[in-house]
Amino acid sequence: MMTRHDQELLEKQLRRIDAAPPSGVLMLVVAIVFFTGMAAGGFLFAYTDQSPLRLAANNIPGAPSSEPAAPVVR
């Protein structure tokens, strides 16, 4: 059985747990850090002498078959 002293100690310990920042503030901080990183990355790589890398293309210069594939009709 809990005594009055035990109950007071438990309440004192549980008060520390509820001291977390509101979730809205935490979400705002995460969003700010994300967009700051995106902006910093954009500025770091925007002013380089390299041309942008094309990851996917239908026409590849010098490839044996550089024509786009015809759609399959079923």
C-alpha atoms as a PDB file:
ATOM      1  CA  MET A   1       0.000   0.000   0.000  1.00  0.00           C
ATOM      2  CA  MET A   2       1.261   3.478  -0.841  1.00  0.00           C
ATOM      3  CA  THR A   3       1.801   5.970   1.899  1.00  0.00           C
ATOM      4  CA  ARG A   4       1.287   9.683   1.483  1.00  0.00           C
ATOM      5  CA  HIS A   5       5.055  10.158   1.188  1.00  0.00           C
ATOM      6  CA  ASP A   6       5.256   7.517  -1.581  1.00  0.00           C
ATOM      7  CA  GLN A   7       2.394   9.202  -3.452  1.00  0.00           C
ATOM      8  CA  GLU A   8       4.152  12.579  -3.270  1.00  0.00           C
ATOM      9  CA  LEU A   9       7.397  11.082  -4.578  1.00  0.00           C
ATOM     10  CA  LEU A  10       5.561   9.406  -7.446  1.00  0.00           C
ATOM     11  CA  GLU A  11       3.811  12.638  -8.419  1.00  0.00           C
ATOM     12  CA  LYS A  12       7.138  14.475  -8.281  1.00  0.00           C
ATOM     13  CA  GLN A  13       8.721  11.930 -10.646  1.00  0.00           C
ATOM     14  CA  LEU A  14       5.777  11.932 -13.062  1.00  0.00           C
ATOM     15  CA  ARG A  15       5.806  15.734 -13.342  1.00  0.00           C
ATOM     16  CA  ARG A  16       9.201  15.512 -15.066  1.00  0.00           C
ATOM     17  CA  ILE A  17       7.830  13.164 -17.731  1.00  0.00           C
ATOM     18  CA  ASP A  18       5.080  15.587 -18.779  1.00  0.00           C
ATOM     19  CA  ALA A  19       7.594  18.396 -19.364  1.00  0.00           C
ATOM     20  CA  ALA A  20       8.083  17.456 -23.056  1.00  0.00           C
ATOM     21  CA  PRO A  21       7.699  20.291 -25.593  1.00  0.00           C
ATOM     22  CA  PRO A  22       4.384  20.409 -27.437  1.00  0.00           C
ATOM     23  CA  SER A  23       4.337  18.290 -30.592  1.00  0.00           C
ATOM     24  CA  GLY A  24       3.630  21.340 -32.763  1.00  0.00           C
ATOM     25  CA  VAL A  25       6.904  22.946 -31.720  1.00  0.00           C
ATOM     26  CA  LEU A  26       8.823  19.731 -32.351  1.00  0.00           C
ATOM     27  CA  MET A  27       7.274  19.334 -35.811  1.00  0.00           C
ATOM     28  CA  LEU A  28       8.129  22.942 -36.631  1.00  0.00           C
ATOM     29  CA  VAL A  29      11.762  22.407 -35.624  1.00  0.00           C
ATOM     30  CA  VAL A  30      11.985  19.255 -37.782  1.00  0.00           C
ATOM     31  CA  ALA A  31      10.500  21.115 -40.768  1.00  0.00           C
ATOM     32  CA  ILE A  32      12.908  24.049 -40.321  1.00  0.00           C
ATOM     33  CA  VAL A  33      15.917  21.728 -40.139  1.00  0.00           C
ATOM     34  CA  PHE A  34      14.731  19.821 -43.240  1.00  0.00           C
ATOM     35  CA  PHE A  35      14.171  22.910 -45.393  1.00  0.00           C
ATOM     36  CA  THR A  36      17.402  24.517 -44.185  1.00  0.00           C
ATOM     37  CA  GLY A  37      19.277  21.399 -45.288  1.00  0.00           C
ATOM     38  CA  MET A  38      17.522  21.412 -48.659  1.00  0.00           C
ATOM     39  CA  ALA A  39      18.400  25.081 -49.199  1.00  0.00           C
ATOM     40  CA  ALA A  40      22.013  24.590 -48.118  1.00  0.00           C
ATOM     41  CA  GLY A  41      22.375  21.595 -50.433  1.00  0.00           C
ATOM     42  CA  GLY A  42      20.852  23.556 -53.292  1.00  0.00           C
ATOM     43  CA  PHE A  43      23.265  26.427 -52.820  1.00  0.00           C
ATOM     44  CA  LEU A  44      26.279  24.138 -52.449  1.00  0.00           C
ATOM     45  CA  PHE A  45      25.635  22.253 -55.679  1.00  0.00           C
ATOM     46  CA  ALA A  46      24.017  25.016 -57.763  1.00  0.00           C
ATOM     47  CA  TYR A  47      27.189  26.944 -58.492  1.00  0.00           C
ATOM     48  CA  THR A  48      29.480  24.183 -59.779  1.00  0.00           C
ATOM     49  CA  ASP A  49      31.037  23.908 -63.230  1.00  0.00           C
ATOM     50  CA  GLN A  50      29.549  20.470 -63.836  1.00  0.00           C
ATOM     51  CA  SER A  51      26.490  20.055 -66.011  1.00  0.00           C
ATOM     52  CA  PRO A  52      23.440  18.476 -64.400  1.00  0.00           C
ATOM     53  CA  LEU A  53      23.362  14.687 -64.446  1.00  0.00           C
ATOM     54  CA  ARG A  54      20.547  13.167 -66.501  1.00  0.00           C
ATOM     55  CA  LEU A  55      19.427   9.959 -64.896  1.00  0.00           C
ATOM     56  CA  ALA A  56      16.836   8.852 -67.456  1.00  0.00           C
ATOM     57  CA  ALA A  57      16.480   9.726 -71.134  1.00  0.00           C
ATOM     58  CA  ASN A  58      14.733   8.294 -74.174  1.00  0.00           C
ATOM     59  CA  ASN A  59      17.356   9.497 -76.656  1.00  0.00           C
ATOM     60  CA  ILE A  60      20.877   8.452 -75.752  1.00  0.00           C
ATOM     61  CA  PRO A  61      23.500   9.828 -78.163  1.00  0.00           C
ATOM     62  CA  GLY A  62      25.723   7.102 -79.595  1.00  0.00           C
ATOM     63  CA  ALA A  63      23.553   4.213 -78.416  1.00  0.00           C
ATOM     64  CA  PRO A  64      22.754   1.508 -81.005  1.00  0.00           C
ATOM     65  CA  SER A  65      19.019   1.995 -80.625  1.00  0.00           C
ATOM     66  CA  SER A  66      18.340   5.546 -79.533  1.00  0.00           C
ATOM     67  CA  GLU A  67      14.725   5.650 -80.706  1.00  0.00           C
ATOM     68  CA  PRO A  68      12.017   5.525 -78.039  1.00  0.00           C
ATOM     69  CA  ALA A  69      10.263   2.187 -77.785  1.00  0.00           C
ATOM     70  CA  ALA A  70       6.826   1.904 -79.399  1.00  0.00           C
ATOM     71  CA  PRO A  71       3.934   1.249 -77.012  1.00  0.00           C
ATOM     72  CA  VAL A  72       2.616  -2.313 -76.898  1.00  0.00           C
ATOM     73  CA  VAL A  73      -1.018  -2.646 -77.991  1.00  0.00           C
ATOM     74  CA  ARG A  74      -2.896  -5.668 -76.666  1.00  0.00           C
END
